[in-house]
C-alpha atoms as a PDB file:
ATOM      1  CA  MET A   1      78.404 108.212 117.736  1.00  0.00           C
ATOM      2  CA  LEU A   2      78.278 111.956 117.251  1.00  0.00           C
ATOM      3  CA  GLN A   3      80.538 113.744 119.709  1.00  0.00           C
ATOM      4  CA  PRO A   4      79.310 116.762 121.720  1.00  0.00           C
ATOM      5  CA  TYR A   5      82.034 118.919 120.154  1.00  0.00           C
ATOM      6  CA  ALA A   6      81.001 118.062 116.589  1.00  0.00           C
ATOM      7  CA  TRP A   7      79.249 121.370 115.860  1.00  0.00           C
ATOM      8  CA  PRO A   8      82.109 123.749 116.744  1.00  0.00           C
ATOM      9  CA  ALA A   9      84.630 121.272 115.262  1.00  0.00           C
ATOM     10  CA  ARG A  10      82.857 121.311 111.910  1.00  0.00           C
ATOM     11  CA  GLN A  11      82.615 125.091 111.979  1.00  0.00           C
ATOM     12  CA  LEU A  12      86.327 125.463 112.757  1.00  0.00           C
ATOM     13  CA  LEU A  13      87.130 123.334 109.736  1.00  0.00           C
ATOM     14  CA  LEU A  14      85.148 125.804 107.634  1.00  0.00           C
ATOM     15  CA  GLY A  15      86.785 128.913 109.055  1.00  0.00           C
ATOM     16  CA  PRO A  16      87.036 131.161 112.129  1.00  0.00           C
ATOM     17  CA  ILE A  17      84.340 131.314 114.797  1.00  0.00           C
ATOM     18  CA  TYR A  18      83.286 134.688 116.181  1.00  0.00           C
ATOM     19  CA  ASP A  19      81.497 135.582 119.414  1.00  0.00           C
ATOM     20  CA  ASP A  20      78.700 137.374 117.555  1.00  0.00           C
ATOM     21  CA  ASP A  21      77.180 133.892 117.148  1.00  0.00           C
ATOM     22  CA  ALA A  22      76.432 133.498 120.833  1.00  0.00           C
ATOM     23  CA  ARG A  23      75.285 129.856 120.758  1.00  0.00           C
ATOM     24  CA  LEU A  24      78.223 128.673 118.682  1.00  0.00           C
ATOM     25  CA  TRP A  25      80.715 130.645 120.759  1.00  0.00           C
ATOM     26  CA  ALA A  26      79.299 129.167 123.973  1.00  0.00           C
ATOM     27  CA  ALA A  27      79.566 125.653 122.504  1.00  0.00           C
ATOM     28  CA  LEU A  28      83.170 126.314 121.526  1.00  0.00           C
ATOM     29  CA  GLN A  29      84.103 127.475 125.023  1.00  0.00           C
ATOM     30  CA  GLN A  30      82.306 124.569 126.676  1.00  0.00           C
ATOM     31  CA  GLN A  31      84.038 121.993 124.474  1.00  0.00           C
ATOM     32  CA  LEU A  32      87.427 123.701 124.129  1.00  0.00           C
ATOM     33  CA  GLY A  33      89.368 121.001 125.976  1.00  0.00           C
ATOM     34  CA  ALA A  34      87.883 118.210 123.867  1.00  0.00           C
ATOM     35  CA  LEU A  35      88.489 120.210 120.691  1.00  0.00           C
ATOM     36  CA  GLN A  36      92.150 120.726 121.549  1.00  0.00           C
ATOM     37  CA  VAL A  37      92.587 116.986 122.087  1.00  0.00           C
ATOM     38  CA  HIS A  38      90.682 116.132 118.905  1.00  0.00           C
ATOM     39  CA  PHE A  39      92.576 118.484 116.606  1.00  0.00           C
ATOM     40  CA  GLY A  40      95.879 118.037 118.439  1.00  0.00           C
ATOM     41  CA  GLY A  41      95.830 114.393 117.397  1.00  0.00           C
ATOM     42  CA  ILE A  42      96.096 115.436 113.753  1.00  0.00           C
ATOM     43  CA  GLY A  43      98.633 118.222 114.202  1.00  0.00           C
ATOM     44  CA  LEU A  44      96.252 121.184 114.520  1.00  0.00           C
ATOM     45  CA  ARG A  45      95.660 123.665 117.329  1.00  0.00           C
ATOM     46  CA  VAL A  46      92.606 125.690 118.284  1.00  0.00           C
ATOM     47  CA  GLU A  47      93.808 129.258 118.762  1.00  0.00           C
ATOM     48  CA  ILE A  48      91.299 131.304 120.747  1.00  0.00           C
ATOM     49  CA  ALA A  49      91.375 134.983 121.674  1.00  0.00           C
ATOM     50  CA  PRO A  50      88.474 135.500 124.101  1.00  0.00           C
ATOM     51  CA  GLN A  51      89.211 139.166 124.526  1.00  0.00           C
ATOM     52  CA  ASP A  52      88.884 139.740 120.794  1.00  0.00           C
ATOM     53  CA  GLY A  53      86.046 137.257 120.304  1.00  0.00           C
ATOM     54  CA  TYR A  54      87.479 134.870 117.719  1.00  0.00           C
ATOM     55  CA  ALA A  55      88.917 131.385 117.368  1.00  0.00           C
ATOM     56  CA  PHE A  56      90.522 129.559 114.478  1.00  0.00           C
ATOM     57  CA  LEU A  57      92.542 126.470 113.557  1.00  0.00           C
ATOM     58  CA  ASP A  58      96.305 126.880 113.232  1.00  0.00           C
ATOM     59  CA  ASP A  59      98.388 124.218 111.499  1.00  0.00           C
ATOM     60  CA  ALA A  60     101.789 125.808 112.165  1.00  0.00           C
ATOM     61  CA  PRO A  61     103.608 123.470 114.593  1.00  0.00           C
ATOM     62  CA  THR A  62     105.232 124.676 117.766  1.00  0.00           C
ATOM     63  CA  ALA A  63     108.922 123.957 118.312  1.00  0.00           C
ATOM     64  CA  ASP A  64     108.015 120.902 120.411  1.00  0.00           C
ATOM     65  CA  GLU A  65     105.642 119.584 117.718  1.00  0.00           C
ATOM     66  CA  GLU A  66     107.874 120.178 114.711  1.00  0.00           C
ATOM     67  CA  ALA A  67     109.496 116.745 114.624  1.00  0.00           C
ATOM     68  CA  LEU A  68     106.125 115.030 115.000  1.00  0.00           C
ATOM     69  CA  VAL A  69     104.408 116.709 112.046  1.00  0.00           C
ATOM     70  CA  THR A  70     107.153 116.950 109.432  1.00  0.00           C
ATOM     71  CA  GLY A  71     105.589 114.142 107.390  1.00  0.00           C
ATOM     72  CA  LEU A  72     102.082 115.597 107.357  1.00  0.00           C
ATOM     73  CA  PRO A  73     100.477 117.860 104.744  1.00  0.00           C
ATOM     74  CA  PRO A  74     100.155 120.730 103.846  1.00  0.00           C
ATOM     75  CA  LEU A  75     102.970 119.840 101.474  1.00  0.00           C
ATOM     76  CA  LEU A  76     103.675 123.290  99.988  1.00  0.00           C
ATOM     77  CA  ARG A  77     103.792 125.272 103.220  1.00  0.00           C
ATOM     78  CA  THR A  78     106.137 123.030 105.183  1.00  0.00           C
ATOM     79  CA  HIS A  79     107.731 121.399 102.109  1.00  0.00           C
ATOM     80  CA  PRO A  80     107.782 117.820 103.414  1.00  0.00           C
ATOM     81  CA  LEU A  81     108.125 116.678  99.777  1.00  0.00           C
ATOM     82  CA  SER A  82     111.043 116.917  97.405  1.00  0.00           C
ATOM     83  CA  TYR A  83     110.764 119.544  94.675  1.00  0.00           C
ATOM     84  CA  GLU A  84     110.158 116.846  92.066  1.00  0.00           C
ATOM     85  CA  ALA A  85     107.418 115.188  94.100  1.00  0.00           C
ATOM     86  CA  THR A  86     105.766 118.570  94.626  1.00  0.00           C
ATOM     87  CA  LEU A  87     105.908 119.103  90.878  1.00  0.00           C
ATOM     88  CA  LEU A  88     104.153 115.775  90.335  1.00  0.00           C
ATOM     89  CA  ALA A  89     101.522 116.742  92.902  1.00  0.00           C
ATOM     90  CA  VAL A  90     100.802 119.962  90.989  1.00  0.00           C
ATOM     91  CA  VAL A  91     100.505 118.098  87.687  1.00  0.00           C
ATOM     92  CA  LEU A  92      98.198 115.525  89.272  1.00  0.00           C
ATOM     93  CA  ARG A  93      96.074 118.248  90.842  1.00  0.00           C
ATOM     94  CA  HIS A  94      95.544 119.787  87.390  1.00  0.00           C
ATOM     95  CA  TRP A  95      94.812 116.357  85.986  1.00  0.00           C
ATOM     96  CA  LEU A  96      92.031 115.921  88.544  1.00  0.00           C
ATOM     97  CA  GLY A  97      90.597 119.264  87.445  1.00  0.00           C
ATOM     98  CA  GLU A  98      90.577 118.113  83.812  1.00  0.00           C
ATOM     99  CA  HIS A  99      88.899 114.885  84.866  1.00  0.00           C
ATOM    100  CA  ASP A 100      86.152 116.772  86.668  1.00  0.00           C
ATOM    101  CA  GLN A 101      85.644 119.212  83.783  1.00  0.00           C
ATOM    102  CA  ALA A 102      85.241 116.247  81.446  1.00  0.00           C
ATOM    103  CA  GLY A 103      82.287 115.123  83.544  1.00  0.00           C
ATOM    104  CA  GLN A 104      83.989 112.165  85.236  1.00  0.00           C
ATOM    105  CA  PRO A 105      82.932 109.760  82.463  1.00  0.00           C
ATOM    106  CA  ASP A 106      83.997 106.677  84.435  1.00  0.00           C
ATOM    107  CA  GLY A 107      83.213 107.930  87.926  1.00  0.00           C
ATOM    108  CA  PRO A 108      84.986 110.261  90.340  1.00  0.00           C
ATOM    109  CA  GLN A 109      88.177 108.202  90.583  1.00  0.00           C
ATOM    110  CA  LEU A 110      91.013 109.240  88.283  1.00  0.00           C
ATOM    111  CA  ARG A 111      93.331 106.346  87.467  1.00  0.00           C
ATOM    112  CA  ILE A 112      96.524 106.886  85.530  1.00  0.00           C
ATOM    113  CA  SER A 113      99.504 104.850  84.446  1.00  0.00           C
ATOM    114  CA  LEU A 114     103.087 105.556  85.400  1.00  0.00           C
ATOM    115  CA  GLY A 115     103.850 105.917  81.706  1.00  0.00           C
ATOM    116  CA  GLN A 116     101.206 108.627  81.272  1.00  0.00           C
ATOM    117  CA  LEU A 117     102.544 110.571  84.234  1.00  0.00           C
ATOM    118  CA  ALA A 118     106.137 110.258  83.034  1.00  0.00           C
ATOM    119  CA  GLU A 119     105.104 111.638  79.646  1.00  0.00           C
ATOM    120  CA  ARG A 120     103.568 114.718  81.228  1.00  0.00           C
ATOM    121  CA  VAL A 121     106.511 115.561  83.460  1.00  0.00           C
ATOM    122  CA  SER A 122     109.482 114.400  81.386  1.00  0.00           C
ATOM    123  CA  LEU A 123     110.385 117.928  80.253  1.00  0.00           C
ATOM    124  CA  LEU A 124     110.484 119.206  83.816  1.00  0.00           C
ATOM    125  CA  LEU A 125     112.707 116.528  85.327  1.00  0.00           C
ATOM    126  CA  PRO A 126     116.452 116.088  84.923  1.00  0.00           C
ATOM    127  CA  PRO A 127     117.143 114.390  81.573  1.00  0.00           C
ATOM    128  CA  ALA A 128     117.155 110.594  81.628  1.00  0.00           C
ATOM    129  CA  SER A 129     119.256 108.566  79.225  1.00  0.00           C
ATOM    130  CA  ASN A 130     116.396 106.199  78.449  1.00  0.00           C
ATOM    131  CA  GLN A 131     112.737 105.546  79.162  1.00  0.00           C
ATOM    132  CA  VAL A 132     113.374 102.956  81.855  1.00  0.00           C
ATOM    133  CA  LYS A 133     115.488 105.383  83.884  1.00  0.00           C
ATOM    134  CA  LEU A 134     112.819 108.052  83.501  1.00  0.00           C
ATOM    135  CA  LEU A 135     110.124 105.665  84.741  1.00  0.00           C
ATOM    136  CA  LYS A 136     112.219 104.626  87.736  1.00  0.00           C
ATOM    137  CA  SER A 137     112.828 108.262  88.611  1.00  0.00           C
ATOM    138  CA  VAL A 138     109.138 109.113  88.376  1.00  0.00           C
ATOM    139  CA  ARG A 139     108.222 106.043  90.409  1.00  0.00           C
ATOM    140  CA  LYS A 140     110.483 107.264  93.232  1.00  0.00           C
ATOM    141  CA  TYR A 141     108.600 110.562  93.414  1.00  0.00           C
ATOM    142  CA  VAL A 142     105.276 108.763  93.056  1.00  0.00           C
ATOM    143  CA  GLN A 143     106.175 106.773  96.141  1.00  0.00           C
ATOM    144  CA  GLU A 144     106.615 110.002  98.107  1.00  0.00           C
ATOM    145  CA  LEU A 145     103.080 111.002  97.167  1.00  0.00           C
ATOM    146  CA  SER A 146     101.750 107.532  97.906  1.00  0.00           C
ATOM    147  CA  ASP A 147     103.274 107.658 101.385  1.00  0.00           C
ATOM    148  CA  LEU A 148     101.211 110.790 102.068  1.00  0.00           C
ATOM    149  CA  GLY A 149      98.024 109.236 100.728  1.00  0.00           C
ATOM    150  CA  PHE A 150      97.806 111.307  97.537  1.00  0.00           C
ATOM    151  CA  LEU A 151      98.187 108.278  95.269  1.00  0.00           C
ATOM    152  CA  LYS A 152      97.023 104.699  95.680  1.00  0.00           C
ATOM    153  CA  LEU A 153      98.587 101.825  93.750  1.00  0.00           C
ATOM    154  CA  HIS A 154      95.976  99.752  91.933  1.00  0.00           C
ATOM    155  CA  HIS A 155      98.105  97.617  89.655  1.00  0.00           C
ATOM    156  CA  ASP A 156     101.832  96.965  89.696  1.00  0.00           C
ATOM    157  CA  ASP A 157     103.675  95.542  86.700  1.00  0.00           C
ATOM    158  CA  ALA A 158     107.188  94.390  87.497  1.00  0.00           C
ATOM    159  CA  LEU A 159     107.809  93.488  83.840  1.00  0.00           C
ATOM    160  CA  ASP A 160     106.717  96.833  82.399  1.00  0.00           C
ATOM    161  CA  LEU A 161     106.875  99.815  84.752  1.00  0.00           C
ATOM    162  CA  GLN A 162     104.856 102.104  82.503  1.00  0.00           C
ATOM    163  CA  ASN A 163     101.775  99.915  82.999  1.00  0.00           C
ATOM    164  CA  ALA A 164     101.670 100.392  86.775  1.00  0.00           C
ATOM    165  CA  ARG A 165      98.385 102.139  87.551  1.00  0.00           C
ATOM    166  CA  TYR A 166      97.481 104.523  90.349  1.00  0.00           C
ATOM    167  CA  GLU A 167      94.377 106.224  91.650  1.00  0.00           C
ATOM    168  CA  VAL A 168      94.842 109.962  92.188  1.00  0.00           C
ATOM    169  CA  ARG A 169      93.269 110.722  95.542  1.00  0.00           C
ATOM    170  CA  ARG A 170      90.889 113.672  95.542  1.00  0.00           C
ATOM    171  CA  ILE A 171      92.406 115.064  98.711  1.00  0.00           C
ATOM    172  CA  LEU A 172      94.813 116.877  96.396  1.00  0.00           C
ATOM    173  CA  LEU A 173      91.989 119.214  95.416  1.00  0.00           C
ATOM    174  CA  ALA A 174      91.746 120.375  99.006  1.00  0.00           C
ATOM    175  CA  ARG A 175      95.401 120.355  99.974  1.00  0.00           C
ATOM    176  CA  LEU A 176      96.664 122.261  96.941  1.00  0.00           C
ATOM    177  CA  THR A 177      94.605 125.426  96.687  1.00  0.00           C
ATOM    178  CA  PRO A 178      94.438 127.444  93.446  1.00  0.00           C
ATOM    179  CA  GLU A 179      96.644 130.076  95.078  1.00  0.00           C
ATOM    180  CA  MET A 180      99.303 127.496  95.874  1.00  0.00           C
ATOM    181  CA  LEU A 181      99.130 126.214  92.308  1.00  0.00           C
ATOM    182  CA  GLU A 182      99.517 129.685  90.852  1.00  0.00           C
ATOM    183  CA  ASP A 183     102.509 130.467  93.061  1.00  0.00           C
ATOM    184  CA  PHE A 184     104.240 127.231  92.160  1.00  0.00           C
ATOM    185  CA  GLN A 185     103.546 127.608  88.446  1.00  0.00           C
ATOM    186  CA  GLN A 186     105.013 131.107  88.446  1.00  0.00           C
ATOM    187  CA  GLU A 187     108.098 129.859  90.244  1.00  0.00           C
ATOM    188  CA  LEU A 188     108.444 126.973  87.823  1.00  0.00           C
ATOM    189  CA  ALA A 189     107.868 129.072  84.712  1.00  0.00           C
ATOM    190  CA  ALA A 190     110.671 131.401  85.777  1.00  0.00           C
ATOM    191  CA  GLN A 191     113.078 128.466  85.784  1.00  0.00           C
ATOM    192  CA  LEU A 192     112.134 127.090  82.361  1.00  0.00           C
ATOM    193  CA  PRO A 193     113.623 128.260  79.057  1.00  0.00           C
ATOM    194  CA  PRO A 194     111.162 130.477  77.108  1.00  0.00           C
ATOM    195  CA  PRO A 195     109.933 127.865  74.580  1.00  0.00           C
ATOM    196  CA  THR A 196     109.076 125.333  77.277  1.00  0.00           C
ATOM    197  CA  GLN A 197     105.432 125.053  78.253  1.00  0.00           C
ATOM    198  CA  LEU A 198     104.185 123.632  81.516  1.00  0.00           C
ATOM    199  CA  PRO A 199     102.819 120.160  80.688  1.00  0.00           C
ATOM    200  CA  LEU A 200      99.741 120.463  82.862  1.00  0.00           C
ATOM    201  CA  ALA A 201      97.343 119.450  80.134  1.00  0.00           C
ATOM    202  CA  ALA A 202      97.594 116.618  77.675  1.00  0.00           C
ATOM    203  CA  PRO A 203      94.421 116.525  75.556  1.00  0.00           C
ATOM    204  CA  ASP A 204      95.370 113.278  73.860  1.00  0.00           C
ATOM    205  CA  ASP A 205      95.690 111.365  77.136  1.00  0.00           C
ATOM    206  CA  ASP A 206      92.877 109.080  78.198  1.00  0.00           C
ATOM    207  CA  PRO A 207      93.635 108.400  81.858  1.00  0.00           C
ATOM    208  CA  THR A 208      90.207 106.938  82.574  1.00  0.00           C
ATOM    209  CA  THR A 209      90.632 103.896  80.364  1.00  0.00           C
END
């Protein structure tokens, strides 16, 4: 059932609310208590400045909330992920963009193998003495992303790790903005030796098969 606070809640998710929209501002003030409870349950706060006529959502936790939200996205602002897992998230976010640009030939879901992901990120991770160790290392970081709901395991293969298949959840497109991607890529490029290219595209891959 649609809740009475649905209208201002949806607008807050889109951006700030201002008092020059009299009807929306009145609805916000009338439903403020319910909105605080609703968004507070997912680690957000409604910040309102009546004297200045604006309200917005703030995802920065207070000191009391910090321990409760450390495992929640956004992953690049609060850094709940390891550096390597964040790197994988960036690569996967680009991979989703490639999938969309290709016209989503097999539907909106992007499914990849652990072997394909390891191939893309192998140059950016600490060297592994063999392929099995590389796959195990990548799988550890994949699990971090899976725990946050960014990846979903579709097929596990205990006999051959590289054949394990995952669905890349499209929430990555929303949680990693282009600005975040650019900042991270610049930081990463500064750490790589000059000949090394960021492996964010692999034209020969066919992740949809």
